[in-house]
PDB file of N, CA and C in Angstrom:
ATOM      1  N   MET A   1     -46.852 -87.445-157.174  1.00  0.00           N
ATOM      2  CA  MET A   1     -48.182 -87.781-156.714  1.00  0.00           C
ATOM      3  C   MET A   1     -48.854 -86.573-156.061  1.00  0.00           C
ATOM      4  N   GLY A   2     -48.079 -85.759-155.356  1.00  0.00           N
ATOM      5  CA  GLY A   2     -48.640 -84.591-154.693  1.00  0.00           C
ATOM      6  C   GLY A   2     -49.188 -83.580-155.675  1.00  0.00           C
ATOM      7  N   LYS A   3     -48.513 -83.427-156.801  1.00  0.00           N
ATOM      8  CA  LYS A   3     -48.962 -82.475-157.820  1.00  0.00           C
ATOM      9  C   LYS A   3     -50.280 -82.930-158.452  1.00  0.00           C
ATOM     10  N   VAL A   4     -50.411 -84.223-158.690  1.00  0.00           N
ATOM     11  CA  VAL A   4     -51.641 -84.764-159.270  1.00  0.00           C
ATOM     12  C   VAL A   4     -52.804 -84.554-158.302  1.00  0.00           C
ATOM     13  N   ALA A   5     -52.572 -84.819-157.031  1.00  0.00           N
ATOM     14  CA  ALA A   5     -53.627 -84.652-156.032  1.00  0.00           C
ATOM     15  C   ALA A   5     -54.056 -83.193-155.937  1.00  0.00           C
ATOM     16  N   SER A   6     -53.086 -82.283-155.973  1.00  0.00           N
ATOM     17  CA  SER A   6     -53.446 -80.864-155.898  1.00  0.00           C
ATOM     18  C   SER A   6     -54.205 -80.420-157.147  1.00  0.00           C
ATOM     19  N   LEU A   7     -53.838 -80.953-158.299  1.00  0.00           N
ATOM     20  CA  LEU A   7     -54.566 -80.619-159.527  1.00  0.00           C
ATOM     21  C   LEU A   7     -56.000 -81.142-159.478  1.00  0.00           C
ATOM     22  N   LEU A   8     -56.177 -82.340-158.930  1.00  0.00           N
ATOM     23  CA  LEU A   8     -57.522 -82.906-158.811  1.00  0.00           C
ATOM     24  C   LEU A   8     -58.392 -82.090-157.859  1.00  0.00           C
ATOM     25  N   THR A   9     -57.824 -81.673-156.731  1.00  0.00           N
ATOM     26  CA  THR A   9     -58.610 -80.877-155.791  1.00  0.00           C
ATOM     27  C   THR A   9     -58.936 -79.507-156.389  1.00  0.00           C
ATOM     28  N   GLU A  10     -57.986 -78.945-157.141  1.00  0.00           N
ATOM     29  CA  GLU A  10     -58.250 -77.661-157.797  1.00  0.00           C
ATOM     30  C   GLU A  10     -59.363 -77.815-158.838  1.00  0.00           C
ATOM     31  N   LEU A  11     -59.333 -78.894-159.588  1.00  0.00           N
ATOM     32  CA  LEU A  11     -60.360 -79.159-160.586  1.00  0.00           C
ATOM     33  C   LEU A  11     -61.725 -79.318-159.917  1.00  0.00           C
ATOM     34  N   ARG A  12     -61.753 -80.076-158.815  1.00  0.00           N
ATOM     35  CA  ARG A  12     -62.997 -80.303-158.083  1.00  0.00           C
ATOM     36  C   ARG A  12     -63.566 -78.980-157.579  1.00  0.00           C
ATOM     37  N   PHE A  13     -62.687 -78.125-157.033  1.00  0.00           N
ATOM     38  CA  PHE A  13     -63.139 -76.839-156.516  1.00  0.00           C
ATOM     39  C   PHE A  13     -63.663 -75.960-157.638  1.00  0.00           C
ATOM     40  N   ASN A  14     -62.991 -75.979-158.783  1.00  0.00           N
ATOM     41  CA  ASN A  14     -63.434 -75.176-159.919  1.00  0.00           C
ATOM     42  C   ASN A  14     -64.785 -75.643-160.446  1.00  0.00           C
ATOM     43  N   ILE A  15     -65.031 -76.939-160.405  1.00  0.00           N
ATOM     44  CA  ILE A  15     -66.330 -77.471-160.827  1.00  0.00           C
ATOM     45  C   ILE A  15     -67.421 -76.950-159.904  1.00  0.00           C
ATOM     46  N   TYR A  16     -67.197 -77.017-158.580  1.00  0.00           N
ATOM     47  CA  TYR A  16     -68.187 -76.504-157.637  1.00  0.00           C
ATOM     48  C   TYR A  16     -68.384 -75.008-157.835  1.00  0.00           C
ATOM     49  N   ARG A  17     -67.295 -74.265-158.059  1.00  0.00           N
ATOM     50  CA  ARG A  17     -67.388 -72.825-158.258  1.00  0.00           C
ATOM     51  C   ARG A  17     -68.226 -72.523-159.500  1.00  0.00           C
ATOM     52  N   LYS A  18     -68.001 -73.278-160.577  1.00  0.00           N
ATOM     53  CA  LYS A  18     -68.757 -73.067-161.813  1.00  0.00           C
ATOM     54  C   LYS A  18     -70.235 -73.345-161.578  1.00  0.00           C
ATOM     55  N   GLN A  19     -70.548 -74.432-160.862  1.00  0.00           N
ATOM     56  CA  GLN A  19     -71.944 -74.767-160.580  1.00  0.00           C
ATOM     57  C   GLN A  19     -72.599 -73.672-159.746  1.00  0.00           C
ATOM     58  N   ALA A  20     -71.868 -73.163-158.760  1.00  0.00           N
ATOM     59  CA  ALA A  20     -72.416 -72.121-157.896  1.00  0.00           C
ATOM     60  C   ALA A  20     -72.655 -70.837-158.679  1.00  0.00           C
ATOM     61  N   THR A  21     -71.740 -70.510-159.578  1.00  0.00           N
ATOM     62  CA  THR A  21     -71.893 -69.309-160.392  1.00  0.00           C
ATOM     63  C   THR A  21     -73.108 -69.432-161.305  1.00  0.00           C
ATOM     64  N   GLU A  22     -73.269 -70.591-161.931  1.00  0.00           N
ATOM     65  CA  GLU A  22     -74.419 -70.813-162.802  1.00  0.00           C
ATOM     66  C   GLU A  22     -75.722 -70.758-162.010  1.00  0.00           C
ATOM     67  N   GLN A  23     -75.719 -71.360-160.822  1.00  0.00           N
ATOM     68  CA  GLN A  23     -76.916 -71.354-159.986  1.00  0.00           C
ATOM     69  C   GLN A  23     -77.247 -69.929-159.546  1.00  0.00           C
ATOM     70  N   ALA A  24     -76.240 -69.152-159.183  1.00  0.00           N
ATOM     71  CA  ALA A  24     -76.463 -67.769-158.769  1.00  0.00           C
ATOM     72  C   ALA A  24     -77.011 -66.947-159.939  1.00  0.00           C
ATOM     73  N   ARG A  25     -76.484 -67.183-161.131  1.00  0.00           N
ATOM     74  CA  ARG A  25     -76.950 -66.463-162.316  1.00  0.00           C
ATOM     75  C   ARG A  25     -78.421 -66.794-162.593  1.00  0.00           C
ATOM     76  N   LYS A  26     -78.786 -68.064-162.510  1.00  0.00           N
ATOM     77  CA  LYS A  26     -80.172 -68.467-162.739  1.00  0.00           C
ATOM     78  C   LYS A  26     -81.100 -67.856-161.690  1.00  0.00           C
ATOM     79  N   THR A  27     -80.658 -67.842-160.438  1.00  0.00           N
ATOM     80  CA  THR A  27     -81.453 -67.273-159.363  1.00  0.00           C
ATOM     81  C   THR A  27     -81.645 -65.778-159.587  1.00  0.00           C
ATOM     82  N   GLU A  28     -80.580 -65.110-160.012  1.00  0.00           N
ATOM     83  CA  GLU A  28     -80.669 -63.674-160.269  1.00  0.00           C
ATOM     84  C   GLU A  28     -81.634 -63.381-161.415  1.00  0.00           C
ATOM     85  N   GLN A  29     -81.578 -64.184-162.469  1.00  0.00           N
ATOM     86  CA  GLN A  29     -82.494 -63.991-163.595  1.00  0.00           C
ATOM     87  C   GLN A  29     -83.938 -64.219-163.159  1.00  0.00           C
ATOM     88  N   ALA A  30     -84.161 -65.253-162.348  1.00  0.00           N
ATOM     89  CA  ALA A  30     -85.512 -65.525-161.862  1.00  0.00           C
ATOM     90  C   ALA A  30     -86.002 -64.382-160.974  1.00  0.00           C
ATOM     91  N   SER A  31     -85.107 -63.827-160.173  1.00  0.00           N
ATOM     92  CA  SER A  31     -85.466 -62.707-159.307  1.00  0.00           C
ATOM     93  C   SER A  31     -85.855 -61.493-160.126  1.00  0.00           C
ATOM     94  N   GLU A  32     -85.092 -61.229-161.190  1.00  0.00           N
ATOM     95  CA  GLU A  32     -85.399 -60.086-162.046  1.00  0.00           C
ATOM     96  C   GLU A  32     -86.748 -60.267-162.738  1.00  0.00           C
ATOM     97  N   GLU A  33     -87.039 -61.486-163.168  1.00  0.00           N
ATOM     98  CA  GLU A  33     -88.318 -61.762-163.813  1.00  0.00           C
ATOM     99  C   GLU A  33     -89.471 -61.572-162.835  1.00  0.00           C
ATOM    100  N   LYS A  34     -89.308 -62.056-161.610  1.00  0.00           N
ATOM    101  CA  LYS A  34     -90.359 -61.907-160.602  1.00  0.00           C
ATOM    102  C   LYS A  34     -90.532 -60.447-160.212  1.00  0.00           C
ATOM    103  N   ALA A  35     -89.424 -59.706-160.148  1.00  0.00           N
ATOM    104  CA  ALA A  35     -89.515 -58.293-159.796  1.00  0.00           C
ATOM    105  C   ALA A  35     -90.272 -57.531-160.865  1.00  0.00           C
ATOM    106  N   GLY A  36     -90.128 -57.945-162.107  1.00  0.00           N
ATOM    107  CA  GLY A  36     -90.846 -57.309-163.204  1.00  0.00           C
ATOM    108  C   GLY A  36     -92.336 -57.624-163.171  1.00  0.00           C
ATOM    109  N   GLN A  37     -92.690 -58.796-162.644  1.00  0.00           N
ATOM    110  CA  GLN A  37     -94.095 -59.210-162.609  1.00  0.00           C
ATOM    111  C   GLN A  37     -94.846 -58.583-161.438  1.00  0.00           C
ATOM    112  N   GLY A  38     -94.210 -58.498-160.304  1.00  0.00           N
ATOM    113  CA  GLY A  38     -94.893 -57.954-159.132  1.00  0.00           C
ATOM    114  C   GLY A  38     -93.891 -57.533-158.084  1.00  0.00           C
ATOM    115  N   ALA A  39     -93.856 -56.258-157.757  1.00  0.00           N
ATOM    116  CA  ALA A  39     -92.859 -55.742-156.822  1.00  0.00           C
ATOM    117  C   ALA A  39     -93.139 -56.178-155.389  1.00  0.00           C
ATOM    118  N   GLY A  40     -94.362 -56.558-155.062  1.00  0.00           N
ATOM    119  CA  GLY A  40     -94.702 -56.904-153.689  1.00  0.00           C
ATOM    120  C   GLY A  40     -94.392 -58.335-153.312  1.00  0.00           C
ATOM    121  N   GLN A  41     -94.013 -59.181-154.286  1.00  0.00           N
ATOM    122  CA  GLN A  41     -93.764 -60.588-153.996  1.00  0.00           C
ATOM    123  C   GLN A  41     -92.304 -60.804-153.641  1.00  0.00           C
ATOM    124  N   ALA A  42     -92.038 -61.734-152.720  1.00  0.00           N
ATOM    125  CA  ALA A  42     -90.661 -62.055-152.331  1.00  0.00           C
ATOM    126  C   ALA A  42     -90.016 -62.887-153.427  1.00  0.00           C
ATOM    127  N   SER A  43     -88.749 -62.626-153.690  1.00  0.00           N
ATOM    128  CA  SER A  43     -88.032 -63.368-154.725  1.00  0.00           C
ATOM    129  C   SER A  43     -87.505 -64.681-154.171  1.00  0.00           C
ATOM    130  N   GLU A  44     -87.060 -65.560-155.057  1.00  0.00           N
ATOM    131  CA  GLU A  44     -86.506 -66.845-154.645  1.00  0.00           C
ATOM    132  C   GLU A  44     -85.257 -66.647-153.795  1.00  0.00           C
ATOM    133  N   THR A  45     -84.432 -65.665-154.154  1.00  0.00           N
ATOM    134  CA  THR A  45     -83.218 -65.387-153.387  1.00  0.00           C
ATOM    135  C   THR A  45     -83.573 -64.958-151.974  1.00  0.00           C
ATOM    136  N   ASP A  46     -84.579 -64.074-151.833  1.00  0.00           N
ATOM    137  CA  ASP A  46     -84.973 -63.615-150.514  1.00  0.00           C
ATOM    138  C   ASP A  46     -85.456 -64.774-149.655  1.00  0.00           C
ATOM    139  N   THR A  47     -86.269 -65.639-150.216  1.00  0.00           N
ATOM    140  CA  THR A  47     -86.796 -66.770-149.467  1.00  0.00           C
ATOM    141  C   THR A  47     -85.681 -67.714-149.072  1.00  0.00           C
ATOM    142  N   LYS A  48     -84.763 -67.992-149.993  1.00  0.00           N
ATOM    143  CA  LYS A  48     -83.691 -68.930-149.732  1.00  0.00           C
ATOM    144  C   LYS A  48     -82.675 -68.379-148.745  1.00  0.00           C
ATOM    145  N   ALA A  49     -82.530 -67.075-148.691  1.00  0.00           N
ATOM    146  CA  ALA A  49     -81.473 -66.477-147.890  1.00  0.00           C
ATOM    147  C   ALA A  49     -81.860 -66.230-146.444  1.00  0.00           C
ATOM    148  N   GLY A  50     -83.002 -66.650-146.012  1.00  0.00           N
ATOM    149  CA  GLY A  50     -83.291 -66.512-144.595  1.00  0.00           C
ATOM    150  C   GLY A  50     -84.674 -65.966-144.316  1.00  0.00           C
ATOM    151  N   GLN A  51     -85.682 -66.689-144.704  1.00  0.00           N
ATOM    152  CA  GLN A  51     -87.052 -66.359-144.367  1.00  0.00           C
ATOM    153  C   GLN A  51     -87.416 -64.951-144.807  1.00  0.00           C
ATOM    154  N   GLY A  52     -87.030 -64.548-146.013  1.00  0.00           N
ATOM    155  CA  GLY A  52     -87.408 -63.253-146.555  1.00  0.00           C
ATOM    156  C   GLY A  52     -86.620 -62.102-145.979  1.00  0.00           C
ATOM    157  N   ALA A  53     -85.480 -62.367-145.364  1.00  0.00           N
ATOM    158  CA  ALA A  53     -84.690 -61.310-144.747  1.00  0.00           C
ATOM    159  C   ALA A  53     -83.955 -60.469-145.779  1.00  0.00           C
ATOM    160  N   GLY A  54     -83.892 -60.916-147.023  1.00  0.00           N
ATOM    161  CA  GLY A  54     -83.239 -60.147-148.069  1.00  0.00           C
ATOM    162  C   GLY A  54     -81.732 -60.291-148.082  1.00  0.00           C
ATOM    163  N   GLN A  55     -81.200 -61.314-147.455  1.00  0.00           N
ATOM    164  CA  GLN A  55     -79.761 -61.535-147.419  1.00  0.00           C
ATOM    165  C   GLN A  55     -79.387 -62.479-148.549  1.00  0.00           C
ATOM    166  N   ALA A  56     -78.497 -62.047-149.431  1.00  0.00           N
ATOM    167  CA  ALA A  56     -78.063 -62.896-150.536  1.00  0.00           C
ATOM    168  C   ALA A  56     -76.956 -63.834-150.063  1.00  0.00           C
ATOM    169  N   LEU A  57     -76.912 -65.016-150.652  1.00  0.00           N
ATOM    170  CA  LEU A  57     -75.871 -65.977-150.309  1.00  0.00           C
ATOM    171  C   LEU A  57     -74.603 -65.685-151.099  1.00  0.00           C
ATOM    172  N   GLU A  58     -73.459 -65.830-150.448  1.00  0.00           N
ATOM    173  CA  GLU A  58     -72.173 -65.684-151.118  1.00  0.00           C
ATOM    174  C   GLU A  58     -71.889 -66.958-151.901  1.00  0.00           C
ATOM    175  N   SER A  59     -70.935 -66.894-152.823  1.00  0.00           N
ATOM    176  CA  SER A  59     -70.635 -68.057-153.665  1.00  0.00           C
ATOM    177  C   SER A  59     -70.155 -69.247-152.830  1.00  0.00           C
ATOM    178  N   GLU A  60     -69.329 -68.994-151.815  1.00  0.00           N
ATOM    179  CA  GLU A  60     -68.860 -70.092-150.960  1.00  0.00           C
ATOM    180  C   GLU A  60     -70.023 -70.736-150.219  1.00  0.00           C
ATOM    181  N   GLU A  61     -70.982 -69.921-149.796  1.00  0.00           N
ATOM    182  CA  GLU A  61     -72.147 -70.450-149.085  1.00  0.00           C
ATOM    183  C   GLU A  61     -73.000 -71.309-150.009  1.00  0.00           C
ATOM    184  N   ILE A  62     -73.163 -70.877-151.249  1.00  0.00           N
ATOM    185  CA  ILE A  62     -73.928 -71.660-152.217  1.00  0.00           C
ATOM    186  C   ILE A  62     -73.246 -72.998-152.466  1.00  0.00           C
ATOM    187  N   ILE A  63     -71.925 -72.964-152.601  1.00  0.00           N
ATOM    188  CA  ILE A  63     -71.165 -74.194-152.825  1.00  0.00           C
ATOM    189  C   ILE A  63     -71.338 -75.138-151.643  1.00  0.00           C
ATOM    190  N   LEU A  64     -71.262 -74.599-150.427  1.00  0.00           N
ATOM    191  CA  LEU A  64     -71.411 -75.427-149.227  1.00  0.00           C
ATOM    192  C   LEU A  64     -72.813 -76.015-149.127  1.00  0.00           C
ATOM    193  N   VAL A  65     -73.838 -75.231-149.396  1.00  0.00           N
ATOM    194  CA  VAL A  65     -75.219 -75.729-149.334  1.00  0.00           C
ATOM    195  C   VAL A  65     -75.414 -76.835-150.359  1.00  0.00           C
ATOM    196  N   ASP A  66     -74.883 -76.631-151.560  1.00  0.00           N
ATOM    197  CA  ASP A  66     -74.982 -77.650-152.608  1.00  0.00           C
ATOM    198  C   ASP A  66     -74.286 -78.940-152.176  1.00  0.00           C
ATOM    199  N   PHE A  67     -73.095 -78.803-151.593  1.00  0.00           N
ATOM    200  CA  PHE A  67     -72.349 -79.975-151.135  1.00  0.00           C
ATOM    201  C   PHE A  67     -73.112 -80.704-150.032  1.00  0.00           C
ATOM    202  N   LEU A  68     -73.662 -79.958-149.068  1.00  0.00           N
ATOM    203  CA  LEU A  68     -74.396 -80.582-147.957  1.00  0.00           C
ATOM    204  C   LEU A  68     -75.679 -81.245-148.426  1.00  0.00           C
ATOM    205  N   ALA A  69     -76.297 -80.706-149.455  1.00  0.00           N
ATOM    206  CA  ALA A  69     -77.505 -81.333-149.998  1.00  0.00           C
ATOM    207  C   ALA A  69     -77.174 -82.689-150.620  1.00  0.00           C
ATOM    208  N   LYS A  70     -75.993 -82.785-151.230  1.00  0.00           N
ATOM    209  CA  LYS A  70     -75.582 -84.030-151.874  1.00  0.00           C
ATOM    210  C   LYS A  70     -74.911 -84.999-150.897  1.00  0.00           C
ATOM    211  N   ASN A  71     -74.305 -84.469-149.821  1.00  0.00           N
ATOM    212  CA  ASN A  71     -73.568 -85.286-148.848  1.00  0.00           C
ATOM    213  C   ASN A  71     -73.972 -84.899-147.425  1.00  0.00           C
ATOM    214  N   PRO A  72     -75.187 -85.205-147.004  1.00  0.00           N
ATOM    215  CA  PRO A  72     -75.663 -84.728-145.702  1.00  0.00           C
ATOM    216  C   PRO A  72     -74.949 -85.335-144.492  1.00  0.00           C
ATOM    217  N   ARG A  73     -74.306 -86.454-144.644  1.00  0.00           N
ATOM    218  CA  ARG A  73     -73.644 -87.092-143.499  1.00  0.00           C
ATOM    219  C   ARG A  73     -72.170 -86.702-143.370  1.00  0.00           C
ATOM    220  N   SER A  74     -71.723 -85.715-144.105  1.00  0.00           N
ATOM    221  CA  SER A  74     -70.328 -85.270-144.071  1.00  0.00           C
ATOM    222  C   SER A  74     -70.017 -84.549-142.764  1.00  0.00           C
ATOM    223  N   ASN A  75     -68.782 -84.721-142.311  1.00  0.00           N
ATOM    224  CA  ASN A  75     -68.331 -83.961-141.146  1.00  0.00           C
ATOM    225  C   ASN A  75     -67.476 -82.779-141.617  1.00  0.00           C
ATOM    226  N   ILE A  76     -67.057 -81.934-140.682  1.00  0.00           N
ATOM    227  CA  ILE A  76     -66.320 -80.711-141.023  1.00  0.00           C
ATOM    228  C   ILE A  76     -65.045 -81.029-141.789  1.00  0.00           C
ATOM    229  N   ARG A  77     -64.333 -82.047-141.379  1.00  0.00           N
ATOM    230  CA  ARG A  77     -63.072 -82.415-142.038  1.00  0.00           C
ATOM    231  C   ARG A  77     -63.314 -82.818-143.491  1.00  0.00           C
ATOM    232  N   GLU A  78     -64.326 -83.634-143.731  1.00  0.00           N
ATOM    233  CA  GLU A  78     -64.637 -84.066-145.099  1.00  0.00           C
ATOM    234  C   GLU A  78     -65.074 -82.887-145.968  1.00  0.00           C
ATOM    235  N   ILE A  79     -65.869 -82.005-145.384  1.00  0.00           N
ATOM    236  CA  ILE A  79     -66.314 -80.827-146.129  1.00  0.00           C
ATOM    237  C   ILE A  79     -65.112 -79.969-146.514  1.00  0.00           C
ATOM    238  N   ALA A  80     -64.234 -79.739-145.549  1.00  0.00           N
ATOM    239  CA  ALA A  80     -63.052 -78.911-145.798  1.00  0.00           C
ATOM    240  C   ALA A  80     -62.172 -79.518-146.893  1.00  0.00           C
ATOM    241  N   GLN A  81     -61.988 -80.832-146.864  1.00  0.00           N
ATOM    242  CA  GLN A  81     -61.163 -81.481-147.878  1.00  0.00           C
ATOM    243  C   GLN A  81     -61.800 -81.393-149.262  1.00  0.00           C
ATOM    244  N   ASN A  82     -63.086 -81.642-149.354  1.00  0.00           N
ATOM    245  CA  ASN A  82     -63.760 -81.647-150.655  1.00  0.00           C
ATOM    246  C   ASN A  82     -63.915 -80.259-151.258  1.00  0.00           C
ATOM    247  N   LEU A  83     -64.088 -79.251-150.431  1.00  0.00           N
ATOM    248  CA  LEU A  83     -64.263 -77.897-150.928  1.00  0.00           C
ATOM    249  C   LEU A  83     -62.964 -77.097-150.957  1.00  0.00           C
ATOM    250  N   VAL A  84     -61.886 -77.739-150.548  1.00  0.00           N
ATOM    251  CA  VAL A  84     -60.551 -77.127-150.509  1.00  0.00           C
ATOM    252  C   VAL A  84     -60.597 -75.832-149.689  1.00  0.00           C
ATOM    253  N   LEU A  85     -61.112 -75.960-148.466  1.00  0.00           N
ATOM    254  CA  LEU A  85     -61.161 -74.864-147.514  1.00  0.00           C
ATOM    255  C   LEU A  85     -60.558 -75.339-146.199  1.00  0.00           C
ATOM    256  N   SER A  86     -60.215 -74.404-145.338  1.00  0.00           N
ATOM    257  CA  SER A  86     -59.738 -74.786-144.018  1.00  0.00           C
ATOM    258  C   SER A  86     -60.932 -75.158-143.140  1.00  0.00           C
ATOM    259  N   LYS A  87     -60.650 -75.879-142.056  1.00  0.00           N
ATOM    260  CA  LYS A  87     -61.737 -76.265-141.141  1.00  0.00           C
ATOM    261  C   LYS A  87     -62.388 -75.032-140.528  1.00  0.00           C
ATOM    262  N   SER A  88     -61.576 -74.022-140.221  1.00  0.00           N
ATOM    263  CA  SER A  88     -62.137 -72.810-139.622  1.00  0.00           C
ATOM    264  C   SER A  88     -63.021 -72.059-140.617  1.00  0.00           C
ATOM    265  N   ALA A  89     -62.664 -72.081-141.891  1.00  0.00           N
ATOM    266  CA  ALA A  89     -63.501 -71.444-142.909  1.00  0.00           C
ATOM    267  C   ALA A  89     -64.838 -72.167-143.028  1.00  0.00           C
ATOM    268  N   VAL A  90     -64.798 -73.486-142.978  1.00  0.00           N
ATOM    269  CA  VAL A  90     -66.037 -74.267-143.033  1.00  0.00           C
ATOM    270  C   VAL A  90     -66.887 -73.983-141.796  1.00  0.00           C
ATOM    271  N   ASP A  91     -66.255 -73.925-140.624  1.00  0.00           N
ATOM    272  CA  ASP A  91     -66.984 -73.598-139.394  1.00  0.00           C
ATOM    273  C   ASP A  91     -67.672 -72.239-139.517  1.00  0.00           C
ATOM    274  N   ARG A  92     -66.947 -71.253-140.041  1.00  0.00           N
ATOM    275  CA  ARG A  92     -67.487 -69.910-140.207  1.00  0.00           C
ATOM    276  C   ARG A  92     -68.688 -69.912-141.152  1.00  0.00           C
ATOM    277  N   LEU A  93     -68.550 -70.612-142.283  1.00  0.00           N
ATOM    278  CA  LEU A  93     -69.643 -70.677-143.256  1.00  0.00           C
ATOM    279  C   LEU A  93     -70.872 -71.375-142.676  1.00  0.00           C
ATOM    280  N   ILE A  94     -70.634 -72.464-141.953  1.00  0.00           N
ATOM    281  CA  ILE A  94     -71.747 -73.199-141.340  1.00  0.00           C
ATOM    282  C   ILE A  94     -72.464 -72.332-140.312  1.00  0.00           C
ATOM    283  N   LYS A  95     -71.697 -71.598-139.521  1.00  0.00           N
ATOM    284  CA  LYS A  95     -72.299 -70.706-138.527  1.00  0.00           C
ATOM    285  C   LYS A  95     -73.171 -69.655-139.208  1.00  0.00           C
ATOM    286  N   LYS A  96     -72.678 -69.069-140.312  1.00  0.00           N
ATOM    287  CA  LYS A  96     -73.462 -68.080-141.064  1.00  0.00           C
ATOM    288  C   LYS A  96     -74.755 -68.692-141.598  1.00  0.00           C
ATOM    289  N   LEU A  97     -74.638 -69.884-142.175  1.00  0.00           N
ATOM    290  CA  LEU A  97     -75.814 -70.533-142.759  1.00  0.00           C
ATOM    291  C   LEU A  97     -76.828 -70.935-141.693  1.00  0.00           C
ATOM    292  N   LYS A  98     -76.344 -71.294-140.514  1.00  0.00           N
ATOM    293  CA  LYS A  98     -77.266 -71.617-139.416  1.00  0.00           C
ATOM    294  C   LYS A  98     -78.020 -70.378-138.955  1.00  0.00           C
ATOM    295  N   THR A  99     -77.320 -69.236-138.850  1.00  0.00           N
ATOM    296  CA  THR A  99     -77.990 -68.010-138.410  1.00  0.00           C
ATOM    297  C   THR A  99     -78.981 -67.513-139.464  1.00  0.00           C
ATOM    298  N   LYS A 100     -78.705 -67.788-140.750  1.00  0.00           N
ATOM    299  CA  LYS A 100     -79.636 -67.421-141.814  1.00  0.00           C
ATOM    300  C   LYS A 100     -80.765 -68.445-141.958  1.00  0.00           C
ATOM    301  N   LYS A 101     -80.694 -69.502-141.153  1.00  0.00           N
ATOM    302  CA  LYS A 101     -81.683 -70.590-141.164  1.00  0.00           C
ATOM    303  C   LYS A 101     -81.772 -71.273-142.530  1.00  0.00           C
ATOM    304  N   ILE A 102     -80.594 -71.532-143.109  1.00  0.00           N
ATOM    305  CA  ILE A 102     -80.500 -72.245-144.378  1.00  0.00           C
ATOM    306  C   ILE A 102     -80.259 -73.733-144.117  1.00  0.00           C
ATOM    307  N   ILE A 103     -79.430 -74.029-143.097  1.00  0.00           N
ATOM    308  CA  ILE A 103     -79.118 -75.415-142.750  1.00  0.00           C
ATOM    309  C   ILE A 103     -79.270 -75.619-141.251  1.00  0.00           C
ATOM    310  N   GLU A 104     -79.377 -76.882-140.868  1.00  0.00           N
ATOM    311  CA  GLU A 104     -79.345 -77.242-139.453  1.00  0.00           C
ATOM    312  C   GLU A 104     -78.729 -78.628-139.325  1.00  0.00           C
ATOM    313  N   ARG A 105     -78.161 -78.892-138.167  1.00  0.00           N
ATOM    314  CA  ARG A 105     -77.586 -80.197-137.882  1.00  0.00           C
ATOM    315  C   ARG A 105     -78.623 -81.001-137.129  1.00  0.00           C
ATOM    316  N   VAL A 106     -78.954 -82.175-137.631  1.00  0.00           N
ATOM    317  CA  VAL A 106     -79.915 -83.054-136.983  1.00  0.00           C
ATOM    318  C   VAL A 106     -79.124 -84.214-136.384  1.00  0.00           C
ATOM    319  N   GLY A 107     -79.263 -84.431-135.090  1.00  0.00           N
ATOM    320  CA  GLY A 107     -78.552 -85.521-134.433  1.00  0.00           C
ATOM    321  C   GLY A 107     -77.206 -85.081-133.881  1.00  0.00           C
ATOM    322  N   THR A 108     -76.403 -86.063-133.544  1.00  0.00           N
ATOM    323  CA  THR A 108     -75.107 -85.794-132.930  1.00  0.00           C
ATOM    324  C   THR A 108     -74.055 -85.468-133.990  1.00  0.00           C
ATOM    325  N   SER A 109     -72.889 -85.050-133.518  1.00  0.00           N
ATOM    326  CA  SER A 109     -71.824 -84.694-134.457  1.00  0.00           C
ATOM    327  C   SER A 109     -71.272 -85.922-135.183  1.00  0.00           C
ATOM    328  N   LYS A 110     -71.371 -87.085-134.577  1.00  0.00           N
ATOM    329  CA  LYS A 110     -70.852 -88.298-135.228  1.00  0.00           C
ATOM    330  C   LYS A 110     -71.906 -89.011-136.070  1.00  0.00           C
ATOM    331  N   LYS A 111     -73.112 -89.117-135.561  1.00  0.00           N
ATOM    332  CA  LYS A 111     -74.136 -89.908-136.256  1.00  0.00           C
ATOM    333  C   LYS A 111     -75.221 -89.050-136.889  1.00  0.00           C
ATOM    334  N   GLY A 112     -75.089 -87.733-136.799  1.00  0.00           N
ATOM    335  CA  GLY A 112     -76.108 -86.849-137.340  1.00  0.00           C
ATOM    336  C   GLY A 112     -75.918 -86.573-138.814  1.00  0.00           C
ATOM    337  N   TYR A 113     -76.738 -85.662-139.315  1.00  0.00           N
ATOM    338  CA  TYR A 113     -76.654 -85.276-140.718  1.00  0.00           C
ATOM    339  C   TYR A 113     -77.065 -83.815-140.864  1.00  0.00           C
ATOM    340  N   TRP A 114     -76.693 -83.220-141.981  1.00  0.00           N
ATOM    341  CA  TRP A 114     -77.043 -81.834-142.283  1.00  0.00           C
ATOM    342  C   TRP A 114     -78.357 -81.803-143.038  1.00  0.00           C
ATOM    343  N   LYS A 115     -79.234 -80.907-142.649  1.00  0.00           N
ATOM    344  CA  LYS A 115     -80.519 -80.748-143.315  1.00  0.00           C
ATOM    345  C   LYS A 115     -80.563 -79.352-143.935  1.00  0.00           C
ATOM    346  N   VAL A 116     -80.771 -79.297-145.244  1.00  0.00           N
ATOM    347  CA  VAL A 116     -80.917 -78.014-145.925  1.00  0.00           C
ATOM    348  C   VAL A 116     -82.380 -77.617-145.822  1.00  0.00           C
ATOM    349  N   LEU A 117     -82.643 -76.482-145.187  1.00  0.00           N
ATOM    350  CA  LEU A 117     -84.009 -76.076-144.892  1.00  0.00           C
ATOM    351  C   LEU A 117     -84.702 -75.407-146.062  1.00  0.00           C
ATOM    352  N   ASN A 118     -83.998 -74.613-146.814  1.00  0.00           N
ATOM    353  CA  ASN A 118     -84.622 -73.890-147.930  1.00  0.00           C
ATOM    354  C   ASN A 118     -84.019 -74.312-149.230  1.00  0.00           C
TER     355      ASN A 118
END
């Protein structure tokens, strides 16, 4: 039973990784197209990464943002289990995303929810 559970979690993580890679590729293509049209305009990546600060999101961050958009009432433990990460890794990613102003926690830790800002 343990082997089946580990295979399922690995499959789930690979699905999220694939989605994040595809999303990053699409964002990069859109950025290149916009850069070709006008150099003075901010790209989608720049806007999404922190109010035009020019910080690109890492693949783990994209996966976490996608997960929080679909499951806003998740707590750290649930996020860690679903993304196959440690609780400290999830804490670190959330802290980064908060400083980049990508996500925020609305309400309390028990009854609140995650809000994706960009």
